Amino acid sequence: SDATALPDAEGTLVALAERMRGAVAYDAAFVGIYSGGAWLAERLPALVPGNHPVGYIDVSYYRDDYSRTGLKSGAKRTDLPFDVDGATIVLVDDVLFTGRSVRAAVNELFDFGRPACIELAVLIDRGGRELPIEPTYCGARLTVARDLSVVLSRDADRLRLSVERQER
């Protein structure tokens, strides 16, 4: 087992929602980045007061390392059931690491229109940024060795965090 003590994912989601409550615009759309961010975006409207439409974004084709890593299996369809133009959007992701998925999601959002404002909510910020991207709302911060992945999984609607060694 790994030395990294992981927070409870469900408790961390509640902590994230607490930080968003009272700070997020009443009509902000929550857009989850597949797949972990999508699970979180589904859950957040029940925890954060307001009228929050939920959308999903798949950044597989937009990542700048796409040509090197290829397409991950199970690419999903981006689904934004609201007008992106002028919207306040909270991008939701499970684990913020290099910042490349978030950059890709912002690029993709602009293909659908020009939002008034984009904020970022993440369950876990693990550091190790390669781009100047910081979360607006964060459930927990962790320090993890670069060769380890922090993985969010869902099992009978309960969220769980684990650490896996990355295949090189």
N, C-alpha and C. Protein backbone atom coordinates (compact mmCIF):
# COMPACT_ATOMS: atom_id res chain seq x y z
N SER A 1 0.85 -1.20 0.00
CA SER A 1 0.00 0.00 0.00
C SER A 1 0.88 1.25 0.00
N ASP A 2 0.28 2.34 -0.38
CA ASP A 2 1.07 3.57 -0.56
C ASP A 2 1.09 4.39 0.72
N ALA A 3 2.14 5.15 0.90
CA ALA A 3 2.29 5.96 2.11
C ALA A 3 1.36 7.17 2.09
N THR A 4 0.87 7.53 0.90
CA THR A 4 0.01 8.71 0.79
C THR A 4 -1.33 8.45 1.45
N ALA A 5 -1.64 9.22 2.47
CA ALA A 5 -2.95 9.09 3.12
C ALA A 5 -3.98 9.83 2.28
N LEU A 6 -4.96 9.10 1.77
CA LEU A 6 -5.96 9.72 0.90
C LEU A 6 -7.18 10.12 1.70
N PRO A 7 -7.72 11.30 1.41
CA PRO A 7 -8.96 11.68 2.09
C PRO A 7 -10.13 10.85 1.57
N ASP A 8 -11.18 10.79 2.35
CA ASP A 8 -12.41 10.12 1.93
C ASP A 8 -13.05 10.95 0.82
N ALA A 9 -13.35 10.32 -0.31
CA ALA A 9 -13.85 11.06 -1.47
C ALA A 9 -15.21 11.71 -1.18
N GLU A 10 -16.09 11.00 -0.50
CA GLU A 10 -17.42 11.55 -0.20
C GLU A 10 -17.32 12.77 0.71
N GLY A 11 -16.45 12.67 1.74
CA GLY A 11 -16.24 13.79 2.65
C GLY A 11 -15.60 14.97 1.95
N THR A 12 -14.71 14.68 1.00
CA THR A 12 -14.04 15.73 0.25
C THR A 12 -15.01 16.44 -0.68
N LEU A 13 -15.97 15.69 -1.24
CA LEU A 13 -17.00 16.30 -2.08
C LEU A 13 -17.85 17.27 -1.26
N VAL A 14 -18.19 16.90 -0.03
CA VAL A 14 -18.95 17.79 0.86
C VAL A 14 -18.13 19.05 1.17
N ALA A 15 -16.83 18.88 1.42
CA ALA A 15 -15.95 20.03 1.68
C ALA A 15 -15.89 20.96 0.46
N LEU A 16 -15.82 20.37 -0.73
CA LEU A 16 -15.80 21.17 -1.96
C LEU A 16 -17.10 21.97 -2.09
N ALA A 17 -18.22 21.31 -1.85
CA ALA A 17 -19.52 21.98 -1.95
C ALA A 17 -19.64 23.12 -0.94
N GLU A 18 -19.10 22.91 0.27
CA GLU A 18 -19.11 23.95 1.31
C GLU A 18 -18.38 25.20 0.82
N ARG A 19 -17.24 24.99 0.14
CA ARG A 19 -16.45 26.13 -0.35
C ARG A 19 -17.17 26.84 -1.49
N MET A 20 -17.98 26.11 -2.24
CA MET A 20 -18.70 26.69 -3.38
C MET A 20 -19.96 27.42 -2.93
N ARG A 21 -20.57 26.93 -1.86
CA ARG A 21 -21.84 27.47 -1.37
C ARG A 21 -21.68 28.94 -1.01
N GLY A 22 -22.56 29.78 -1.53
CA GLY A 22 -22.48 31.20 -1.21
C GLY A 22 -21.47 31.96 -2.04
N ALA A 23 -20.63 31.24 -2.80
CA ALA A 23 -19.63 31.90 -3.63
C ALA A 23 -19.96 31.75 -5.12
N VAL A 24 -20.57 30.63 -5.47
CA VAL A 24 -20.90 30.33 -6.86
C VAL A 24 -22.16 31.09 -7.27
N ALA A 25 -22.18 31.60 -8.49
CA ALA A 25 -23.37 32.29 -9.01
C ALA A 25 -24.57 31.34 -8.94
N TYR A 26 -25.75 31.91 -8.64
CA TYR A 26 -26.97 31.13 -8.46
C TYR A 26 -27.30 30.31 -9.70
N ASP A 27 -26.99 30.87 -10.88
CA ASP A 27 -27.36 30.20 -12.13
C ASP A 27 -26.15 29.62 -12.86
N ALA A 28 -25.04 29.44 -12.15
CA ALA A 28 -23.83 28.89 -12.78
C ALA A 28 -24.09 27.47 -13.27
N ALA A 29 -23.63 27.19 -14.49
CA ALA A 29 -23.71 25.83 -15.02
C ALA A 29 -22.50 25.04 -14.51
N PHE A 30 -22.72 23.79 -14.15
CA PHE A 30 -21.64 22.91 -13.72
C PHE A 30 -21.31 21.99 -14.89
N VAL A 31 -20.07 22.07 -15.38
CA VAL A 31 -19.66 21.26 -16.53
C VAL A 31 -18.56 20.30 -16.08
N GLY A 32 -18.89 19.02 -16.06
CA GLY A 32 -17.95 18.00 -15.61
C GLY A 32 -17.07 17.51 -16.73
N ILE A 33 -15.77 17.39 -16.45
CA ILE A 33 -14.83 16.81 -17.41
C ILE A 33 -14.85 15.30 -17.21
N TYR A 34 -15.18 14.55 -18.30
CA TYR A 34 -15.25 13.08 -18.19
C TYR A 34 -13.94 12.51 -17.68
N SER A 35 -13.97 11.45 -16.82
CA SER A 35 -15.22 10.88 -16.34
C SER A 35 -15.48 11.27 -14.89
N GLY A 36 -14.40 11.39 -14.11
CA GLY A 36 -14.58 11.72 -12.70
C GLY A 36 -15.27 13.05 -12.48
N GLY A 37 -14.92 14.05 -13.27
CA GLY A 37 -15.54 15.36 -13.14
C GLY A 37 -17.03 15.32 -13.46
N ALA A 38 -17.41 14.42 -14.36
CA ALA A 38 -18.82 14.26 -14.72
C ALA A 38 -19.61 13.72 -13.53
N TRP A 39 -19.03 12.75 -12.83
CA TRP A 39 -19.70 12.20 -11.64
C TRP A 39 -19.91 13.29 -10.59
N LEU A 40 -18.90 14.14 -10.41
CA LEU A 40 -18.98 15.21 -9.41
C LEU A 40 -20.01 16.25 -9.83
N ALA A 41 -20.02 16.62 -11.12
CA ALA A 41 -20.97 17.62 -11.62
C ALA A 41 -22.41 17.16 -11.44
N GLU A 42 -22.64 15.85 -11.54
CA GLU A 42 -23.98 15.30 -11.32
C GLU A 42 -24.42 15.47 -9.87
N ARG A 43 -23.49 15.38 -8.95
CA ARG A 43 -23.80 15.41 -7.52
C ARG A 43 -23.88 16.82 -6.94
N LEU A 44 -23.10 17.76 -7.51
CA LEU A 44 -22.96 19.08 -6.89
C LEU A 44 -24.26 19.90 -6.82
N PRO A 45 -25.16 19.87 -7.83
CA PRO A 45 -26.36 20.71 -7.72
C PRO A 45 -27.20 20.43 -6.47
N ALA A 46 -27.17 19.20 -5.97
CA ALA A 46 -27.92 18.86 -4.75
C ALA A 46 -27.24 19.42 -3.51
N LEU A 47 -25.96 19.78 -3.63
CA LEU A 47 -25.18 20.22 -2.47
C LEU A 47 -24.94 21.73 -2.46
N VAL A 48 -25.13 22.38 -3.62
CA VAL A 48 -24.85 23.82 -3.75
C VAL A 48 -26.14 24.51 -4.16
N PRO A 49 -26.69 25.39 -3.29
CA PRO A 49 -27.96 26.04 -3.61
C PRO A 49 -27.89 26.82 -4.92
N GLY A 50 -29.00 26.84 -5.64
CA GLY A 50 -29.08 27.57 -6.89
C GLY A 50 -29.76 26.73 -7.95
N ASN A 51 -29.74 27.28 -9.16
CA ASN A 51 -30.33 26.59 -10.31
C ASN A 51 -29.18 26.31 -11.26
N HIS A 52 -28.62 25.11 -11.16
CA HIS A 52 -27.37 24.80 -11.85
C HIS A 52 -27.59 23.75 -12.94
N PRO A 53 -27.68 24.19 -14.21
CA PRO A 53 -27.72 23.18 -15.27
C PRO A 53 -26.39 22.42 -15.29
N VAL A 54 -26.45 21.16 -15.71
CA VAL A 54 -25.26 20.31 -15.71
C VAL A 54 -24.93 19.92 -17.15
N GLY A 55 -23.66 20.05 -17.50
CA GLY A 55 -23.18 19.61 -18.80
C GLY A 55 -21.93 18.77 -18.63
N TYR A 56 -21.50 18.19 -19.73
CA TYR A 56 -20.33 17.31 -19.71
C TYR A 56 -19.43 17.65 -20.87
N ILE A 57 -18.15 17.50 -20.65
CA ILE A 57 -17.19 17.82 -21.69
C ILE A 57 -16.16 16.70 -21.77
N ASP A 58 -15.85 16.29 -23.00
CA ASP A 58 -14.82 15.28 -23.22
C ASP A 58 -13.66 15.96 -23.91
N VAL A 59 -12.51 15.99 -23.26
CA VAL A 59 -11.37 16.74 -23.79
C VAL A 59 -10.40 15.86 -24.58
N SER A 60 -10.77 14.61 -24.85
CA SER A 60 -9.84 13.67 -25.50
C SER A 60 -9.19 14.26 -26.74
N TYR A 61 -9.98 14.91 -27.60
CA TYR A 61 -9.44 15.42 -28.87
C TYR A 61 -8.73 16.75 -28.71
N TYR A 62 -8.92 17.41 -27.56
CA TYR A 62 -8.39 18.75 -27.38
C TYR A 62 -7.08 18.79 -26.60
N ARG A 63 -6.73 17.68 -25.96
CA ARG A 63 -5.49 17.69 -25.17
C ARG A 63 -4.29 17.89 -26.07
N ASP A 64 -3.31 18.68 -25.60
CA ASP A 64 -2.16 18.96 -26.45
C ASP A 64 -1.21 17.77 -26.56
N ASP A 65 -1.45 16.71 -25.76
CA ASP A 65 -0.62 15.51 -25.90
C ASP A 65 -1.37 14.40 -26.64
N TYR A 66 -2.47 14.78 -27.30
CA TYR A 66 -3.30 13.81 -28.05
C TYR A 66 -2.48 13.03 -29.06
N SER A 67 -1.63 13.73 -29.83
CA SER A 67 -0.87 13.06 -30.89
C SER A 67 0.13 12.07 -30.31
N ARG A 68 0.57 12.33 -29.07
CA ARG A 68 1.57 11.46 -28.45
C ARG A 68 0.92 10.27 -27.74
N THR A 69 -0.21 10.52 -27.09
CA THR A 69 -0.81 9.47 -26.28
C THR A 69 -1.96 8.79 -26.99
N GLY A 70 -2.44 9.38 -28.10
CA GLY A 70 -3.57 8.78 -28.81
C GLY A 70 -4.86 9.01 -28.05
N LEU A 71 -5.92 8.46 -28.59
CA LEU A 71 -7.24 8.65 -27.99
C LEU A 71 -7.46 7.60 -26.92
N LYS A 72 -7.85 8.05 -25.72
CA LYS A 72 -8.18 7.08 -24.68
C LYS A 72 -9.43 6.33 -25.11
N SER A 73 -9.50 5.07 -24.75
CA SER A 73 -10.69 4.29 -25.11
C SER A 73 -11.90 4.89 -24.40
N GLY A 74 -13.05 4.76 -25.00
CA GLY A 74 -14.28 5.23 -24.37
C GLY A 74 -14.44 6.73 -24.40
N ALA A 75 -14.02 7.38 -25.48
CA ALA A 75 -14.25 8.82 -25.60
C ALA A 75 -15.75 9.07 -25.57
N LYS A 76 -16.17 10.07 -24.79
CA LYS A 76 -17.59 10.37 -24.62
C LYS A 76 -17.96 11.58 -25.47
N ARG A 77 -19.25 11.86 -25.51
CA ARG A 77 -19.69 13.02 -26.29
C ARG A 77 -19.87 14.21 -25.36
N THR A 78 -19.38 15.36 -25.82
CA THR A 78 -19.60 16.60 -25.08
C THR A 78 -21.08 16.94 -25.16
N ASP A 79 -21.66 17.31 -24.02
CA ASP A 79 -23.10 17.60 -23.95
C ASP A 79 -23.27 18.85 -23.09
N LEU A 80 -23.64 19.97 -23.73
CA LEU A 80 -23.82 21.23 -23.02
C LEU A 80 -25.25 21.72 -23.28
N PRO A 81 -26.21 21.30 -22.45
CA PRO A 81 -27.63 21.60 -22.70
C PRO A 81 -28.05 22.99 -22.22
N PHE A 82 -27.23 23.99 -22.52
CA PHE A 82 -27.54 25.38 -22.16
C PHE A 82 -26.71 26.25 -23.10
N ASP A 83 -27.03 27.53 -23.16
CA ASP A 83 -26.30 28.45 -24.03
C ASP A 83 -25.00 28.85 -23.35
N VAL A 84 -23.89 28.51 -23.98
CA VAL A 84 -22.57 28.83 -23.42
C VAL A 84 -22.31 30.33 -23.47
N ASP A 85 -22.83 31.01 -24.51
CA ASP A 85 -22.63 32.46 -24.67
C ASP A 85 -23.16 33.20 -23.45
N GLY A 86 -22.28 33.95 -22.80
CA GLY A 86 -22.70 34.77 -21.65
C GLY A 86 -22.92 33.99 -20.37
N ALA A 87 -22.72 32.68 -20.38
CA ALA A 87 -22.98 31.86 -19.19
C ALA A 87 -21.84 31.97 -18.17
N THR A 88 -22.19 31.76 -16.91
CA THR A 88 -21.19 31.54 -15.87
C THR A 88 -21.04 30.03 -15.75
N ILE A 89 -19.83 29.55 -15.93
CA ILE A 89 -19.58 28.11 -15.98
C ILE A 89 -18.56 27.74 -14.91
N VAL A 90 -18.87 26.69 -14.18
CA VAL A 90 -17.89 26.10 -13.27
C VAL A 90 -17.46 24.77 -13.88
N LEU A 91 -16.23 24.72 -14.37
CA LEU A 91 -15.67 23.45 -14.82
C LEU A 91 -15.40 22.60 -13.59
N VAL A 92 -15.75 21.32 -13.67
CA VAL A 92 -15.58 20.43 -12.52
C VAL A 92 -14.68 19.27 -12.94
N ASP A 93 -13.61 19.06 -12.18
CA ASP A 93 -12.71 17.94 -12.48
C ASP A 93 -12.39 17.22 -11.18
N ASP A 94 -12.00 15.96 -11.32
CA ASP A 94 -11.70 15.18 -10.12
C ASP A 94 -10.34 15.51 -9.55
N VAL A 95 -9.29 15.40 -10.38
CA VAL A 95 -7.93 15.61 -9.89
C VAL A 95 -7.23 16.61 -10.81
N LEU A 96 -6.76 17.72 -10.21
CA LEU A 96 -5.99 18.71 -10.97
C LEU A 96 -4.52 18.38 -10.80
N PHE A 97 -3.83 18.17 -11.93
CA PHE A 97 -2.41 17.83 -11.89
C PHE A 97 -1.65 18.82 -12.78
N THR A 98 -1.42 18.49 -14.05
CA THR A 98 -0.63 19.37 -14.91
C THR A 98 -1.41 20.60 -15.36
N GLY A 99 -2.73 20.48 -15.42
CA GLY A 99 -3.57 21.57 -15.90
C GLY A 99 -3.95 21.42 -17.37
N ARG A 100 -3.43 20.39 -18.03
CA ARG A 100 -3.67 20.24 -19.47
C ARG A 100 -5.12 19.88 -19.80
N SER A 101 -5.77 19.08 -18.99
CA SER A 101 -7.19 18.75 -19.24
C SER A 101 -8.05 20.00 -19.09
N VAL A 102 -7.74 20.83 -18.11
CA VAL A 102 -8.51 22.06 -17.89
C VAL A 102 -8.31 23.02 -19.06
N ARG A 103 -7.07 23.17 -19.50
CA ARG A 103 -6.82 24.02 -20.66
C ARG A 103 -7.61 23.53 -21.87
N ALA A 104 -7.61 22.22 -22.08
CA ALA A 104 -8.35 21.64 -23.21
C ALA A 104 -9.85 21.90 -23.07
N ALA A 105 -10.38 21.79 -21.84
CA ALA A 105 -11.81 22.01 -21.62
C ALA A 105 -12.18 23.47 -21.89
N VAL A 106 -11.33 24.40 -21.49
CA VAL A 106 -11.60 25.82 -21.75
C VAL A 106 -11.61 26.07 -23.26
N ASN A 107 -10.62 25.51 -23.96
CA ASN A 107 -10.60 25.65 -25.42
C ASN A 107 -11.88 25.13 -26.04
N GLU A 108 -12.32 23.96 -25.59
CA GLU A 108 -13.52 23.36 -26.16
C GLU A 108 -14.76 24.20 -25.85
N LEU A 109 -14.85 24.73 -24.63
CA LEU A 109 -16.00 25.57 -24.27
C LEU A 109 -16.12 26.75 -25.24
N PHE A 110 -14.99 27.37 -25.59
CA PHE A 110 -15.03 28.53 -26.47
C PHE A 110 -15.47 28.17 -27.89
N ASP A 111 -15.37 26.89 -28.26
CA ASP A 111 -15.91 26.46 -29.55
C ASP A 111 -17.43 26.52 -29.55
N PHE A 112 -18.05 26.52 -28.37
CA PHE A 112 -19.51 26.54 -28.24
C PHE A 112 -20.06 27.94 -27.98
N GLY A 113 -19.18 28.90 -27.72
CA GLY A 113 -19.63 30.26 -27.41
C GLY A 113 -18.64 30.93 -26.50
N ARG A 114 -19.01 32.15 -26.07
CA ARG A 114 -18.11 32.91 -25.22
C ARG A 114 -18.73 33.08 -23.85
N PRO A 115 -18.30 32.26 -22.87
CA PRO A 115 -18.86 32.37 -21.52
C PRO A 115 -18.51 33.73 -20.89
N ALA A 116 -19.37 34.21 -20.00
CA ALA A 116 -19.07 35.43 -19.26
C ALA A 116 -17.93 35.18 -18.28
N CYS A 117 -17.88 33.96 -17.74
CA CYS A 117 -16.94 33.66 -16.67
C CYS A 117 -16.78 32.14 -16.57
N ILE A 118 -15.55 31.68 -16.39
CA ILE A 118 -15.30 30.26 -16.15
C ILE A 118 -14.53 30.14 -14.84
N GLU A 119 -15.08 29.34 -13.93
CA GLU A 119 -14.38 29.01 -12.69
C GLU A 119 -14.02 27.53 -12.73
N LEU A 120 -13.18 27.11 -11.78
CA LEU A 120 -12.72 25.72 -11.75
C LEU A 120 -12.93 25.15 -10.35
N ALA A 121 -13.63 24.03 -10.27
CA ALA A 121 -13.81 23.30 -9.02
C ALA A 121 -13.18 21.92 -9.17
N VAL A 122 -12.30 21.56 -8.24
CA VAL A 122 -11.66 20.25 -8.30
C VAL A 122 -11.80 19.55 -6.95
N LEU A 123 -11.96 18.24 -7.00
CA LEU A 123 -12.01 17.46 -5.77
C LEU A 123 -10.63 17.46 -5.11
N ILE A 124 -9.61 17.17 -5.90
CA ILE A 124 -8.24 17.07 -5.39
C ILE A 124 -7.31 17.93 -6.24
N ASP A 125 -6.50 18.76 -5.58
CA ASP A 125 -5.40 19.45 -6.26
C ASP A 125 -4.12 18.75 -5.80
N ARG A 126 -3.45 18.08 -6.72
CA ARG A 126 -2.25 17.32 -6.35
C ARG A 126 -0.95 18.05 -6.69
N GLY A 127 -1.06 19.32 -7.14
CA GLY A 127 0.15 20.04 -7.49
C GLY A 127 0.74 19.54 -8.79
N GLY A 128 1.96 19.95 -9.10
CA GLY A 128 2.64 19.47 -10.30
C GLY A 128 2.20 20.15 -11.58
N ARG A 129 1.74 21.41 -11.45
CA ARG A 129 1.23 22.12 -12.62
C ARG A 129 2.29 22.38 -13.67
N GLU A 130 1.90 22.27 -14.93
CA GLU A 130 2.74 22.62 -16.07
C GLU A 130 2.19 23.84 -16.79
N LEU A 131 1.02 24.32 -16.37
CA LEU A 131 0.37 25.49 -16.95
C LEU A 131 -0.12 26.38 -15.81
N PRO A 132 -0.29 27.68 -16.06
CA PRO A 132 -0.70 28.59 -14.98
C PRO A 132 -2.21 28.50 -14.72
N ILE A 133 -2.63 27.38 -14.14
CA ILE A 133 -4.06 27.12 -13.88
C ILE A 133 -4.21 26.80 -12.40
N GLU A 134 -5.13 27.49 -11.75
CA GLU A 134 -5.39 27.25 -10.32
C GLU A 134 -6.88 27.06 -10.11
N PRO A 135 -7.27 26.20 -9.17
CA PRO A 135 -8.71 26.00 -8.92
C PRO A 135 -9.31 27.18 -8.17
N THR A 136 -10.55 27.51 -8.51
CA THR A 136 -11.31 28.51 -7.75
C THR A 136 -11.80 27.88 -6.46
N TYR A 137 -12.19 26.61 -6.53
CA TYR A 137 -12.71 25.85 -5.38
C TYR A 137 -12.00 24.50 -5.37
N CYS A 138 -11.57 24.08 -4.18
CA CYS A 138 -10.79 22.84 -4.08
C CYS A 138 -11.24 22.07 -2.84
N GLY A 139 -11.50 20.77 -3.00
CA GLY A 139 -11.91 19.94 -1.86
C GLY A 139 -10.74 19.64 -0.93
N ALA A 140 -9.61 19.24 -1.50
CA ALA A 140 -8.42 18.91 -0.70
C ALA A 140 -7.18 19.03 -1.56
N ARG A 141 -6.06 19.35 -0.90
CA ARG A 141 -4.77 19.38 -1.59
C ARG A 141 -3.92 18.21 -1.10
N LEU A 142 -3.27 17.56 -2.06
CA LEU A 142 -2.43 16.40 -1.75
C LEU A 142 -1.08 16.58 -2.42
N THR A 143 -0.04 16.04 -1.81
CA THR A 143 1.24 15.97 -2.48
C THR A 143 1.49 14.50 -2.79
N VAL A 144 1.67 14.21 -4.07
CA VAL A 144 1.83 12.83 -4.52
C VAL A 144 3.02 12.77 -5.46
N ALA A 145 3.80 11.70 -5.37
CA ALA A 145 4.95 11.53 -6.27
C ALA A 145 4.48 11.58 -7.72
N ARG A 146 5.32 12.15 -8.58
CA ARG A 146 4.93 12.35 -9.99
C ARG A 146 4.57 11.06 -10.72
N ASP A 147 5.17 9.95 -10.31
CA ASP A 147 4.91 8.70 -11.05
C ASP A 147 3.67 7.98 -10.52
N LEU A 148 2.92 8.62 -9.64
CA LEU A 148 1.68 8.03 -9.14
C LEU A 148 0.49 8.80 -9.67
N SER A 149 -0.59 8.11 -9.91
CA SER A 149 -1.85 8.73 -10.32
C SER A 149 -2.83 8.67 -9.17
N VAL A 150 -3.54 9.78 -8.93
CA VAL A 150 -4.66 9.77 -7.99
C VAL A 150 -5.90 9.51 -8.83
N VAL A 151 -6.63 8.45 -8.49
CA VAL A 151 -7.74 8.00 -9.33
C VAL A 151 -9.04 8.03 -8.54
N LEU A 152 -10.06 8.65 -9.13
CA LEU A 152 -11.40 8.64 -8.55
C LEU A 152 -12.18 7.53 -9.23
N SER A 153 -12.79 6.66 -8.43
CA SER A 153 -13.64 5.62 -8.99
C SER A 153 -15.02 5.71 -8.33
N ARG A 154 -16.00 5.12 -8.98
CA ARG A 154 -17.37 5.16 -8.46
C ARG A 154 -17.87 3.74 -8.39
N ASP A 155 -18.47 3.44 -7.25
CA ASP A 155 -18.87 2.06 -7.03
C ASP A 155 -20.19 2.13 -6.24
N ALA A 156 -21.27 1.71 -6.87
CA ALA A 156 -22.62 1.81 -6.28
C ALA A 156 -22.89 3.24 -5.81
N ASP A 157 -22.55 4.21 -6.65
CA ASP A 157 -22.77 5.64 -6.39
C ASP A 157 -21.94 6.21 -5.25
N ARG A 158 -21.03 5.42 -4.69
CA ARG A 158 -20.09 5.97 -3.72
C ARG A 158 -18.78 6.24 -4.42
N LEU A 159 -18.21 7.40 -4.12
CA LEU A 159 -16.94 7.78 -4.74
C LEU A 159 -15.79 7.29 -3.87
N ARG A 160 -14.70 6.89 -4.53
CA ARG A 160 -13.53 6.40 -3.80
C ARG A 160 -12.26 6.90 -4.48
N LEU A 161 -11.29 7.30 -3.67
CA LEU A 161 -9.99 7.72 -4.19
C LEU A 161 -8.96 6.62 -3.95
N SER A 162 -8.10 6.43 -4.94
CA SER A 162 -6.99 5.49 -4.78
C SER A 162 -5.77 6.05 -5.49
N VAL A 163 -4.62 5.44 -5.22
CA VAL A 163 -3.38 5.85 -5.87
C VAL A 163 -2.88 4.66 -6.68
N GLU A 164 -2.53 4.94 -7.93
CA GLU A 164 -2.01 3.88 -8.80
C GLU A 164 -0.68 4.34 -9.39
N ARG A 165 0.19 3.36 -9.61
CA ARG A 165 1.45 3.67 -10.27
C ARG A 165 1.17 3.82 -11.77
N GLN A 166 1.70 4.89 -12.37
CA GLN A 166 1.47 5.13 -13.79
C GLN A 166 2.33 4.19 -14.62
N GLU A 167 1.73 3.63 -15.69
CA GLU A 167 2.53 2.86 -16.63
C GLU A 167 3.31 3.86 -17.47
N ARG A 168 4.57 3.58 -17.65
CA ARG A 168 5.41 4.48 -18.45
C ARG A 168 5.36 4.07 -19.91
